[in-house]
Amino acid sequence: MDMEKKYEEWPSSKRLKKTDGTIAYIWDNKYHNWEGPALIPEGNEKKAEYYLYGIKYSKSEFKEVVRNRTGLPWYKQPAPKGTTHRN
């Protein structure tokens, strides 16, 4: 094992475009895209399908999952710089 390599590289997400205009975002051979729809049939945004790690979500479910993945956990509170919440 190489000592200089400090982290394992993750496979990068790939954007594929078919001749009929369909756009697909693939990660680890599964549909996956955190930024938006992973499958856009014929380039039509109204028919877009949302996937994370190959699991299909509705648009509202997708937004909820993305909203819940960022930020601090419920048990932590943000502290201003230079202060702590210790008693």
C-alpha atoms as a PDB file:
ATOM      1  CA  MET A   1       0.000   0.000   0.000  1.00  0.00           C
ATOM      2  CA  ASP A   2       1.338   3.392  -0.959  1.00  0.00           C
ATOM      3  CA  MET A   3       1.949   5.557   2.132  1.00  0.00           C
ATOM      4  CA  GLU A   4       1.557   8.813   0.190  1.00  0.00           C
ATOM      5  CA  LYS A   5      -1.988   7.974  -0.856  1.00  0.00           C
ATOM      6  CA  LYS A   6      -3.979   9.119   2.180  1.00  0.00           C
ATOM      7  CA  TYR A   7      -7.475   8.368   0.926  1.00  0.00           C
ATOM      8  CA  GLU A   8      -9.194   5.908  -1.313  1.00  0.00           C
ATOM      9  CA  GLU A   9     -10.471   7.442  -4.536  1.00  0.00           C
ATOM     10  CA  TRP A  10     -14.211   7.209  -5.135  1.00  0.00           C
ATOM     11  CA  PRO A  11     -15.536   6.567  -8.618  1.00  0.00           C
ATOM     12  CA  SER A  12     -16.614   9.825 -10.201  1.00  0.00           C
ATOM     13  CA  SER A  13     -20.114  10.461 -11.494  1.00  0.00           C
ATOM     14  CA  LYS A  14     -20.432  10.333 -15.274  1.00  0.00           C
ATOM     15  CA  ARG A  15     -22.859  12.210 -17.510  1.00  0.00           C
ATOM     16  CA  LEU A  16     -24.008  10.180 -20.494  1.00  0.00           C
ATOM     17  CA  LYS A  17     -26.004  11.524 -23.420  1.00  0.00           C
ATOM     18  CA  LYS A  18     -27.693   9.213 -25.917  1.00  0.00           C
ATOM     19  CA  THR A  19     -28.455  10.044 -29.528  1.00  0.00           C
ATOM     20  CA  ASP A  20     -32.176  10.532 -28.765  1.00  0.00           C
ATOM     21  CA  GLY A  21     -31.260  13.289 -26.267  1.00  0.00           C
ATOM     22  CA  THR A  22     -31.661  11.222 -23.079  1.00  0.00           C
ATOM     23  CA  ILE A  23     -29.283  12.377 -20.345  1.00  0.00           C
ATOM     24  CA  ALA A  24     -28.242   9.959 -17.579  1.00  0.00           C
ATOM     25  CA  TYR A  25     -25.950  10.439 -14.597  1.00  0.00           C
ATOM     26  CA  ILE A  26     -24.216   7.190 -13.611  1.00  0.00           C
ATOM     27  CA  TRP A  27     -22.159   6.462 -10.484  1.00  0.00           C
ATOM     28  CA  ASP A  28     -20.853   2.966  -9.713  1.00  0.00           C
ATOM     29  CA  ASN A  29     -23.051   1.552 -12.525  1.00  0.00           C
ATOM     30  CA  LYS A  30     -26.221   2.975 -10.937  1.00  0.00           C
ATOM     31  CA  TYR A  31     -28.333   6.040 -11.632  1.00  0.00           C
ATOM     32  CA  HIS A  32     -27.205   8.659  -9.119  1.00  0.00           C
ATOM     33  CA  ASN A  33     -27.162  12.453  -8.905  1.00  0.00           C
ATOM     34  CA  TRP A  34     -27.301  14.636  -5.758  1.00  0.00           C
ATOM     35  CA  GLU A  35     -27.718  17.869  -7.748  1.00  0.00           C
ATOM     36  CA  GLY A  36     -30.918  16.961  -9.596  1.00  0.00           C
ATOM     37  CA  PRO A  37     -32.531  14.326 -11.788  1.00  0.00           C
ATOM     38  CA  ALA A  38     -30.356  11.350 -12.716  1.00  0.00           C
ATOM     39  CA  LEU A  39     -32.375  10.436 -15.791  1.00  0.00           C
ATOM     40  CA  ILE A  40     -33.833  12.966 -18.215  1.00  0.00           C
ATOM     41  CA  PRO A  41     -35.600  11.102 -21.048  1.00  0.00           C
ATOM     42  CA  GLU A  42     -35.150  12.780 -24.441  1.00  0.00           C
ATOM     43  CA  GLY A  43     -33.883  15.904 -22.673  1.00  0.00           C
ATOM     44  CA  ASN A  44     -37.400  16.646 -21.377  1.00  0.00           C
ATOM     45  CA  GLU A  45     -37.140  18.056 -17.817  1.00  0.00           C
ATOM     46  CA  LYS A  46     -40.850  17.350 -17.148  1.00  0.00           C
ATOM     47  CA  LYS A  47     -40.221  13.585 -17.495  1.00  0.00           C
ATOM     48  CA  ALA A  48     -37.127  13.683 -15.262  1.00  0.00           C
ATOM     49  CA  GLU A  49     -36.546  10.830 -12.820  1.00  0.00           C
ATOM     50  CA  TYR A  50     -34.668  11.174  -9.544  1.00  0.00           C
ATOM     51  CA  TYR A  51     -32.299   8.465  -8.318  1.00  0.00           C
ATOM     52  CA  LEU A  52     -29.805   8.134  -5.471  1.00  0.00           C
ATOM     53  CA  TYR A  53     -27.573   5.062  -5.444  1.00  0.00           C
ATOM     54  CA  GLY A  54     -29.932   3.368  -7.908  1.00  0.00           C
ATOM     55  CA  ILE A  55     -33.070   3.928  -5.788  1.00  0.00           C
ATOM     56  CA  LYS A  56     -35.852   5.857  -7.509  1.00  0.00           C
ATOM     57  CA  TYR A  57     -37.486   8.773  -5.664  1.00  0.00           C
ATOM     58  CA  SER A  58     -40.328  11.131  -6.479  1.00  0.00           C
ATOM     59  CA  LYS A  59     -39.372  14.795  -6.795  1.00  0.00           C
ATOM     60  CA  SER A  60     -40.696  15.665  -3.315  1.00  0.00           C
ATOM     61  CA  GLU A  61     -38.984  12.634  -1.695  1.00  0.00           C
ATOM     62  CA  PHE A  62     -35.729  13.545  -3.440  1.00  0.00           C
ATOM     63  CA  LYS A  63     -35.842  17.129  -2.145  1.00  0.00           C
ATOM     64  CA  GLU A  64     -36.485  15.859   1.392  1.00  0.00           C
ATOM     65  CA  VAL A  65     -33.544  13.417   1.247  1.00  0.00           C
ATOM     66  CA  VAL A  66     -31.189  16.114  -0.079  1.00  0.00           C
ATOM     67  CA  ARG A  67     -32.372  18.598   2.550  1.00  0.00           C
ATOM     68  CA  ASN A  68     -31.771  16.106   5.370  1.00  0.00           C
ATOM     69  CA  ARG A  69     -28.243  15.140   4.309  1.00  0.00           C
ATOM     70  CA  THR A  70     -26.649  18.550   4.865  1.00  0.00           C
ATOM     71  CA  GLY A  71     -26.102  20.643   7.944  1.00  0.00           C
ATOM     72  CA  LEU A  72     -25.487  19.799  11.565  1.00  0.00           C
ATOM     73  CA  PRO A  73     -27.124  16.835  13.290  1.00  0.00           C
ATOM     74  CA  TRP A  74     -30.118  17.655  15.487  1.00  0.00           C
ATOM     75  CA  TYR A  75     -28.072  17.207  18.682  1.00  0.00           C
ATOM     76  CA  LYS A  76     -25.414  19.774  17.750  1.00  0.00           C
ATOM     77  CA  GLN A  77     -25.770  23.545  17.875  1.00  0.00           C
ATOM     78  CA  PRO A  78     -23.760  25.980  15.774  1.00  0.00           C
ATOM     79  CA  ALA A  79     -21.314  28.026  17.832  1.00  0.00           C
ATOM     80  CA  PRO A  80     -19.831  31.400  16.879  1.00  0.00           C
ATOM     81  CA  LYS A  81     -16.115  31.402  16.143  1.00  0.00           C
ATOM     82  CA  GLY A  82     -14.023  31.238  19.311  1.00  0.00           C
ATOM     83  CA  THR A  83     -16.811  30.043  21.623  1.00  0.00           C
ATOM     84  CA  THR A  84     -18.132  26.682  22.733  1.00  0.00           C
ATOM     85  CA  HIS A  85     -21.380  25.375  24.195  1.00  0.00           C
ATOM     86  CA  ARG A  86     -19.660  23.676  27.111  1.00  0.00           C
ATOM     87  CA  ASN A  87     -20.935  24.271  30.603  1.00  0.00           C
END
